[in-house]
């Protein structure tokens, strides 16, 4: 998701922070399960919202492609 939203600085930082929290190489240890449950719920909501936002962006690009105005220069006789 960080790669998909790389042009939006705020979203990039949010997903990099999530990636840092859940990385398997250098685990982040917090006090206990009571701390991780709200973090897990918040991260799940962030991913859900990002997926919905990304699918809406993708659908709008597919359903409304930008069409160039027709150019008839090929048909002109010189």
PDB file of N, CA and C in Angstrom:
ATOM      1  N   UNK A   1       0.825  -1.189   0.000  1.00  0.00           N
ATOM      2  CA  UNK A   1       0.000   0.000   0.000  1.00  0.00           C
ATOM      3  C   UNK A   1       0.867   1.249   0.000  1.00  0.00           C
ATOM      4  N   UNK A   2       2.025   1.195   0.638  1.00  0.00           N
ATOM      5  CA  UNK A   2       2.914   2.358   0.637  1.00  0.00           C
ATOM      6  C   UNK A   2       3.391   2.654  -0.771  1.00  0.00           C
ATOM      7  N   UNK A   3       3.617   1.628  -1.557  1.00  0.00           N
ATOM      8  CA  UNK A   3       4.043   1.839  -2.938  1.00  0.00           C
ATOM      9  C   UNK A   3       2.908   2.417  -3.772  1.00  0.00           C
ATOM     10  N   UNK A   4       1.700   1.943  -3.540  1.00  0.00           N
ATOM     11  CA  UNK A   4       0.552   2.447  -4.302  1.00  0.00           C
ATOM     12  C   UNK A   4       0.317   3.922  -4.006  1.00  0.00           C
ATOM     13  N   UNK A   5       0.431   4.320  -2.741  1.00  0.00           N
ATOM     14  CA  UNK A   5       0.171   5.706  -2.346  1.00  0.00           C
ATOM     15  C   UNK A   5       1.462   6.494  -2.160  1.00  0.00           C
ATOM     16  N   UNK A   6       2.478   6.220  -2.942  1.00  0.00           N
ATOM     17  CA  UNK A   6       3.780   6.872  -2.763  1.00  0.00           C
ATOM     18  C   UNK A   6       3.755   8.366  -3.096  1.00  0.00           C
ATOM     19  N   UNK A   7       2.774   8.821  -3.836  1.00  0.00           N
ATOM     20  CA  UNK A   7       2.705  10.247  -4.181  1.00  0.00           C
ATOM     21  C   UNK A   7       2.025  11.074  -3.094  1.00  0.00           C
ATOM     22  N   UNK A   8       1.314  10.426  -2.197  1.00  0.00           N
ATOM     23  CA  UNK A   8       0.649  11.112  -1.093  1.00  0.00           C
ATOM     24  C   UNK A   8       1.511  10.920   0.160  1.00  0.00           C
ATOM     25  N   UNK A   9       2.177  11.986   0.600  1.00  0.00           N
ATOM     26  CA  UNK A   9       3.169  11.887   1.672  1.00  0.00           C
ATOM     27  C   UNK A   9       2.561  11.366   2.968  1.00  0.00           C
ATOM     28  N   UNK A  10       1.369  11.837   3.347  1.00  0.00           N
ATOM     29  CA  UNK A  10       0.760  11.423   4.606  1.00  0.00           C
ATOM     30  C   UNK A  10       0.456   9.928   4.598  1.00  0.00           C
ATOM     31  N   UNK A  11      -0.175   9.443   3.530  1.00  0.00           N
ATOM     32  CA  UNK A  11      -0.490   8.016   3.450  1.00  0.00           C
ATOM     33  C   UNK A  11       0.773   7.171   3.397  1.00  0.00           C
ATOM     34  N   UNK A  12       1.781   7.654   2.711  1.00  0.00           N
ATOM     35  CA  UNK A  12       3.047   6.936   2.659  1.00  0.00           C
ATOM     36  C   UNK A  12       3.625   6.764   4.054  1.00  0.00           C
ATOM     37  N   UNK A  13       3.630   7.828   4.839  1.00  0.00           N
ATOM     38  CA  UNK A  13       4.168   7.751   6.198  1.00  0.00           C
ATOM     39  C   UNK A  13       3.330   6.837   7.088  1.00  0.00           C
ATOM     40  N   UNK A  14       2.004   6.860   6.923  1.00  0.00           N
ATOM     41  CA  UNK A  14       1.141   5.990   7.719  1.00  0.00           C
ATOM     42  C   UNK A  14       1.460   4.527   7.433  1.00  0.00           C
ATOM     43  N   UNK A  15       1.585   4.164   6.163  1.00  0.00           N
ATOM     44  CA  UNK A  15       1.838   2.770   5.831  1.00  0.00           C
ATOM     45  C   UNK A  15       3.267   2.357   6.146  1.00  0.00           C
ATOM     46  N   UNK A  16       4.200   3.271   6.094  1.00  0.00           N
ATOM     47  CA  UNK A  16       5.555   2.932   6.532  1.00  0.00           C
ATOM     48  C   UNK A  16       5.601   2.708   8.041  1.00  0.00           C
ATOM     49  N   UNK A  17       4.849   3.493   8.792  1.00  0.00           N
ATOM     50  CA  UNK A  17       4.765   3.288  10.239  1.00  0.00           C
ATOM     51  C   UNK A  17       4.125   1.934  10.557  1.00  0.00           C
ATOM     52  N   UNK A  18       3.069   1.593   9.845  1.00  0.00           N
ATOM     53  CA  UNK A  18       2.432   0.287  10.048  1.00  0.00           C
ATOM     54  C   UNK A  18       3.413  -0.834   9.686  1.00  0.00           C
ATOM     55  N   UNK A  19       4.140  -0.645   8.602  1.00  0.00           N
ATOM     56  CA  UNK A  19       5.139  -1.641   8.219  1.00  0.00           C
ATOM     57  C   UNK A  19       6.225  -1.784   9.270  1.00  0.00           C
ATOM     58  N   UNK A  20       6.617  -0.687   9.883  1.00  0.00           N
ATOM     59  CA  UNK A  20       7.619  -0.734  10.948  1.00  0.00           C
ATOM     60  C   UNK A  20       7.073  -1.466  12.183  1.00  0.00           C
ATOM     61  N   UNK A  21       5.813  -1.213  12.529  1.00  0.00           N
ATOM     62  CA  UNK A  21       5.223  -1.861  13.700  1.00  0.00           C
ATOM     63  C   UNK A  21       5.098  -3.376  13.535  1.00  0.00           C
ATOM     64  N   UNK A  22       4.753  -3.812  12.324  1.00  0.00           N
ATOM     65  CA  UNK A  22       4.475  -5.228  12.106  1.00  0.00           C
ATOM     66  C   UNK A  22       5.601  -5.956  11.378  1.00  0.00           C
ATOM     67  N   UNK A  23       6.812  -5.413  11.357  1.00  0.00           N
ATOM     68  CA  UNK A  23       7.898  -6.068  10.631  1.00  0.00           C
ATOM     69  C   UNK A  23       8.382  -7.304  11.385  1.00  0.00           C
ATOM     70  N   UNK A  24       8.772  -8.352  10.655  1.00  0.00           N
ATOM     71  CA  UNK A  24       9.221  -9.581  11.318  1.00  0.00           C
ATOM     72  C   UNK A  24      10.716  -9.587  11.643  1.00  0.00           C
ATOM     73  N   UNK A  25      11.489  -8.661  11.105  1.00  0.00           N
ATOM     74  CA  UNK A  25      12.936  -8.677  11.289  1.00  0.00           C
ATOM     75  C   UNK A  25      13.322  -8.078  12.641  1.00  0.00           C
ATOM     76  N   UNK A  26      12.823  -6.886  12.924  1.00  0.00           N
ATOM     77  CA  UNK A  26      13.055  -6.229  14.209  1.00  0.00           C
ATOM     78  C   UNK A  26      11.704  -6.030  14.890  1.00  0.00           C
ATOM     79  N   UNK A  27      11.223  -7.022  15.625  1.00  0.00           N
ATOM     80  CA  UNK A  27       9.884  -6.918  16.211  1.00  0.00           C
ATOM     81  C   UNK A  27       9.786  -5.786  17.235  1.00  0.00           C
ATOM     82  N   UNK A  28       8.634  -5.173  17.252  1.00  0.00           N
ATOM     83  CA  UNK A  28       8.344  -4.124  18.231  1.00  0.00           C
ATOM     84  C   UNK A  28       7.553  -4.776  19.359  1.00  0.00           C
ATOM     85  N   UNK A  29       8.089  -4.729  20.548  1.00  0.00           N
ATOM     86  CA  UNK A  29       7.437  -5.320  21.708  1.00  0.00           C
ATOM     87  C   UNK A  29       6.784  -4.213  22.536  1.00  0.00           C
ATOM     88  N   UNK A  30       5.477  -4.289  22.647  1.00  0.00           N
ATOM     89  CA  UNK A  30       4.753  -3.383  23.523  1.00  0.00           C
ATOM     90  C   UNK A  30       4.337  -4.166  24.763  1.00  0.00           C
ATOM     91  N   UNK A  31       3.709  -3.499  25.710  1.00  0.00           N
ATOM     92  CA  UNK A  31       3.475  -4.091  27.025  1.00  0.00           C
ATOM     93  C   UNK A  31       2.680  -5.387  26.987  1.00  0.00           C
ATOM     94  N   UNK A  32       1.609  -5.417  26.275  1.00  0.00           N
ATOM     95  CA  UNK A  32       0.796  -6.628  26.287  1.00  0.00           C
ATOM     96  C   UNK A  32      -0.281  -6.586  25.228  1.00  0.00           C
ATOM     97  N   UNK A  33      -1.155  -7.555  25.324  1.00  0.00           N
ATOM     98  CA  UNK A  33      -2.222  -7.681  24.335  1.00  0.00           C
ATOM     99  C   UNK A  33      -3.177  -6.497  24.384  1.00  0.00           C
ATOM    100  N   UNK A  34      -3.361  -5.911  25.557  1.00  0.00           N
ATOM    101  CA  UNK A  34      -4.284  -4.782  25.689  1.00  0.00           C
ATOM    102  C   UNK A  34      -3.815  -3.565  24.901  1.00  0.00           C
ATOM    103  N   UNK A  35      -2.536  -3.479  24.623  1.00  0.00           N
ATOM    104  CA  UNK A  35      -2.006  -2.379  23.816  1.00  0.00           C
ATOM    105  C   UNK A  35      -2.151  -2.704  22.326  1.00  0.00           C
ATOM    106  N   UNK A  36      -1.957  -3.971  21.965  1.00  0.00           N
ATOM    107  CA  UNK A  36      -1.964  -4.356  20.558  1.00  0.00           C
ATOM    108  C   UNK A  36      -3.356  -4.422  19.952  1.00  0.00           C
ATOM    109  N   UNK A  37      -4.377  -4.732  20.734  1.00  0.00           N
ATOM    110  CA  UNK A  37      -5.734  -4.870  20.195  1.00  0.00           C
ATOM    111  C   UNK A  37      -6.215  -3.574  19.548  1.00  0.00           C
ATOM    112  N   UNK A  38      -6.124  -2.408  20.201  1.00  0.00           N
ATOM    113  CA  UNK A  38      -6.542  -1.176  19.515  1.00  0.00           C
ATOM    114  C   UNK A  38      -5.688  -0.860  18.293  1.00  0.00           C
ATOM    115  N   UNK A  39      -4.390  -1.156  18.363  1.00  0.00           N
ATOM    116  CA  UNK A  39      -3.509  -0.917  17.209  1.00  0.00           C
ATOM    117  C   UNK A  39      -3.931  -1.786  16.038  1.00  0.00           C
ATOM    118  N   UNK A  40      -4.257  -3.061  16.317  1.00  0.00           N
ATOM    119  CA  UNK A  40      -4.707  -3.970  15.263  1.00  0.00           C
ATOM    120  C   UNK A  40      -6.010  -3.495  14.631  1.00  0.00           C
ATOM    121  N   UNK A  41      -6.938  -3.036  15.453  1.00  0.00           N
ATOM    122  CA  UNK A  41      -8.231  -2.560  14.933  1.00  0.00           C
ATOM    123  C   UNK A  41      -8.041  -1.306  14.092  1.00  0.00           C
ATOM    124  N   UNK A  42      -7.234  -0.371  14.565  1.00  0.00           N
ATOM    125  CA  UNK A  42      -6.984   0.862  13.813  1.00  0.00           C
ATOM    126  C   UNK A  42      -6.299   0.555  12.483  1.00  0.00           C
ATOM    127  N   UNK A  43      -5.326  -0.331  12.507  1.00  0.00           N
ATOM    128  CA  UNK A  43      -4.624  -0.694  11.271  1.00  0.00           C
ATOM    129  C   UNK A  43      -5.548  -1.401  10.290  1.00  0.00           C
ATOM    130  N   UNK A  44      -6.429  -2.243  10.801  1.00  0.00           N
ATOM    131  CA  UNK A  44      -7.397  -2.915   9.927  1.00  0.00           C
ATOM    132  C   UNK A  44      -8.320  -1.900   9.266  1.00  0.00           C
ATOM    133  N   UNK A  45      -8.766  -0.897  10.024  1.00  0.00           N
ATOM    134  CA  UNK A  45      -9.631   0.142   9.442  1.00  0.00           C
ATOM    135  C   UNK A  45      -8.870   0.968   8.408  1.00  0.00           C
ATOM    136  N   UNK A  46      -7.603   1.258   8.670  1.00  0.00           N
ATOM    137  CA  UNK A  46      -6.800   2.020   7.713  1.00  0.00           C
ATOM    138  C   UNK A  46      -6.653   1.243   6.415  1.00  0.00           C
ATOM    139  N   UNK A  47      -6.354  -0.051   6.519  1.00  0.00           N
ATOM    140  CA  UNK A  47      -6.222  -0.861   5.307  1.00  0.00           C
ATOM    141  C   UNK A  47      -7.550  -0.985   4.566  1.00  0.00           C
ATOM    142  N   UNK A  48      -8.647  -1.117   5.291  1.00  0.00           N
ATOM    143  CA  UNK A  48      -9.961  -1.194   4.657  1.00  0.00           C
ATOM    144  C   UNK A  48     -10.277   0.095   3.910  1.00  0.00           C
ATOM    145  N   UNK A  49     -10.063   1.229   4.556  1.00  0.00           N
ATOM    146  CA  UNK A  49     -10.325   2.517   3.905  1.00  0.00           C
ATOM    147  C   UNK A  49      -9.406   2.736   2.702  1.00  0.00           C
ATOM    148  N   UNK A  50      -8.160   2.333   2.823  1.00  0.00           N
ATOM    149  CA  UNK A  50      -7.229   2.495   1.712  1.00  0.00           C
ATOM    150  C   UNK A  50      -7.615   1.605   0.542  1.00  0.00           C
ATOM    151  N   UNK A  51      -8.083   0.396   0.829  1.00  0.00           N
ATOM    152  CA  UNK A  51      -8.514  -0.507  -0.240  1.00  0.00           C
ATOM    153  C   UNK A  51      -9.741   0.040  -0.944  1.00  0.00           C
ATOM    154  N   UNK A  52     -10.708   0.539  -0.190  1.00  0.00           N
ATOM    155  CA  UNK A  52     -11.906   1.120  -0.796  1.00  0.00           C
ATOM    156  C   UNK A  52     -11.522   2.344  -1.617  1.00  0.00           C
ATOM    157  N   UNK A  53     -10.666   3.191  -1.084  1.00  0.00           N
ATOM    158  CA  UNK A  53     -10.229   4.393  -1.801  1.00  0.00           C
ATOM    159  C   UNK A  53      -9.478   4.025  -3.073  1.00  0.00           C
ATOM    160  N   UNK A  54      -8.601   3.040  -2.991  1.00  0.00           N
ATOM    161  CA  UNK A  54      -7.837   2.622  -4.155  1.00  0.00           C
ATOM    162  C   UNK A  54      -8.747   2.018  -5.221  1.00  0.00           C
ATOM    163  N   UNK A  55      -9.744   1.225  -4.809  1.00  0.00           N
ATOM    164  CA  UNK A  55     -10.642   0.626  -5.793  1.00  0.00           C
ATOM    165  C   UNK A  55     -11.504   1.698  -6.451  1.00  0.00           C
ATOM    166  N   UNK A  56     -11.884   2.738  -5.703  1.00  0.00           N
ATOM    167  CA  UNK A  56     -12.666   3.821  -6.303  1.00  0.00           C
ATOM    168  C   UNK A  56     -11.822   4.604  -7.294  1.00  0.00           C
ATOM    169  N   UNK A  57     -10.560   4.837  -6.967  1.00  0.00           N
ATOM    170  CA  UNK A  57      -9.667   5.532  -7.882  1.00  0.00           C
ATOM    171  C   UNK A  57      -9.474   4.708  -9.146  1.00  0.00           C
ATOM    172  N   UNK A  58      -9.269   3.422  -8.966  1.00  0.00           N
ATOM    173  CA  UNK A  58      -9.036   2.530 -10.102  1.00  0.00           C
ATOM    174  C   UNK A  58     -10.270   2.443 -10.989  1.00  0.00           C
ATOM    175  N   UNK A  59     -11.464   2.325 -10.399  1.00  0.00           N
ATOM    176  CA  UNK A  59     -12.693   2.254 -11.175  1.00  0.00           C
ATOM    177  C   UNK A  59     -12.938   3.543 -11.943  1.00  0.00           C
ATOM    178  N   UNK A  60     -12.636   4.676 -11.340  1.00  0.00           N
ATOM    179  CA  UNK A  60     -12.868   5.943 -12.035  1.00  0.00           C
ATOM    180  C   UNK A  60     -11.930   6.091 -13.225  1.00  0.00           C
ATOM    181  N   UNK A  61     -10.714   5.567 -13.121  1.00  0.00           N
ATOM    182  CA  UNK A  61      -9.789   5.636 -14.249  1.00  0.00           C
ATOM    183  C   UNK A  61     -10.201   4.679 -15.351  1.00  0.00           C
ATOM    184  N   UNK A  62     -10.767   3.530 -14.982  1.00  0.00           N
ATOM    185  CA  UNK A  62     -11.182   2.552 -15.983  1.00  0.00           C
ATOM    186  C   UNK A  62     -12.477   2.988 -16.653  1.00  0.00           C
ATOM    187  N   UNK A  63     -13.459   3.444 -15.878  1.00  0.00           N
ATOM    188  CA  UNK A  63     -14.755   3.775 -16.447  1.00  0.00           C
ATOM    189  C   UNK A  63     -14.755   5.125 -17.172  1.00  0.00           C
ATOM    190  N   UNK A  64     -13.888   6.032 -16.782  1.00  0.00           N
ATOM    191  CA  UNK A  64     -13.832   7.345 -17.415  1.00  0.00           C
ATOM    192  C   UNK A  64     -12.423   7.622 -17.944  1.00  0.00           C
ATOM    193  N   UNK A  65     -12.011   6.881 -18.950  1.00  0.00           N
ATOM    194  CA  UNK A  65     -10.670   7.152 -19.458  1.00  0.00           C
ATOM    195  C   UNK A  65     -10.617   8.520 -20.135  1.00  0.00           C
ATOM    196  N   UNK A  66      -9.496   9.140 -20.048  1.00  0.00           N
ATOM    197  CA  UNK A  66      -9.317  10.441 -20.674  1.00  0.00           C
ATOM    198  C   UNK A  66      -9.075  10.201 -22.160  1.00  0.00           C
ATOM    199  N   UNK A  67      -9.984  10.702 -22.964  1.00  0.00           N
ATOM    200  CA  UNK A  67      -9.857  10.501 -24.397  1.00  0.00           C
ATOM    201  C   UNK A  67      -9.298  11.757 -25.038  1.00  0.00           C
ATOM    202  N   UNK A  68      -8.390  11.551 -25.950  1.00  0.00           N
ATOM    203  CA  UNK A  68      -7.858  12.679 -26.688  1.00  0.00           C
ATOM    204  C   UNK A  68      -8.897  13.121 -27.707  1.00  0.00           C
ATOM    205  N   UNK A  69      -8.983  14.407 -27.976  1.00  0.00           N
ATOM    206  CA  UNK A  69      -9.894  14.839 -29.028  1.00  0.00           C
ATOM    207  C   UNK A  69      -9.421  14.289 -30.375  1.00  0.00           C
ATOM    208  N   UNK A  70     -10.383  13.966 -31.205  1.00  0.00           N
ATOM    209  CA  UNK A  70     -10.042  13.370 -32.490  1.00  0.00           C
ATOM    210  C   UNK A  70      -9.301  14.381 -33.352  1.00  0.00           C
ATOM    211  N   UNK A  71      -8.282  13.879 -33.991  1.00  0.00           N
ATOM    212  CA  UNK A  71      -7.442  14.706 -34.857  1.00  0.00           C
ATOM    213  C   UNK A  71      -7.509  14.118 -36.257  1.00  0.00           C
ATOM    214  N   UNK A  72      -7.954  14.918 -37.220  1.00  0.00           N
ATOM    215  CA  UNK A  72      -8.138  14.422 -38.574  1.00  0.00           C
ATOM    216  C   UNK A  72      -7.027  14.840 -39.507  1.00  0.00           C
ATOM    217  N   UNK A  73      -5.860  15.105 -38.960  1.00  0.00           N
ATOM    218  CA  UNK A  73      -4.756  15.538 -39.823  1.00  0.00           C
ATOM    219  C   UNK A  73      -4.338  14.448 -40.784  1.00  0.00           C
ATOM    220  N   UNK A  74      -4.523  13.214 -40.423  1.00  0.00           N
ATOM    221  CA  UNK A  74      -4.167  12.109 -41.302  1.00  0.00           C
ATOM    222  C   UNK A  74      -4.999  12.107 -42.570  1.00  0.00           C
ATOM    223  N   UNK A  75      -6.240  12.602 -42.482  1.00  0.00           N
ATOM    224  CA  UNK A  75      -7.162  12.563 -43.620  1.00  0.00           C
ATOM    225  C   UNK A  75      -7.024  13.777 -44.536  1.00  0.00           C
ATOM    226  N   UNK A  76      -6.231  14.751 -44.163  1.00  0.00           N
ATOM    227  CA  UNK A  76      -6.086  15.941 -45.004  1.00  0.00           C
ATOM    228  C   UNK A  76      -5.264  15.625 -46.244  1.00  0.00           C
ATOM    229  N   UNK A  77      -5.637  16.212 -47.308  1.00  0.00           N
ATOM    230  CA  UNK A  77      -4.893  16.061 -48.550  1.00  0.00           C
ATOM    231  C   UNK A  77      -4.044  17.291 -48.732  1.00  0.00           C
ATOM    232  N   UNK A  78      -2.739  17.059 -48.952  1.00  0.00           N
ATOM    233  CA  UNK A  78      -1.814  18.183 -49.072  1.00  0.00           C
ATOM    234  C   UNK A  78      -1.558  18.501 -50.502  1.00  0.00           C
TER     235      UNK A  78
END
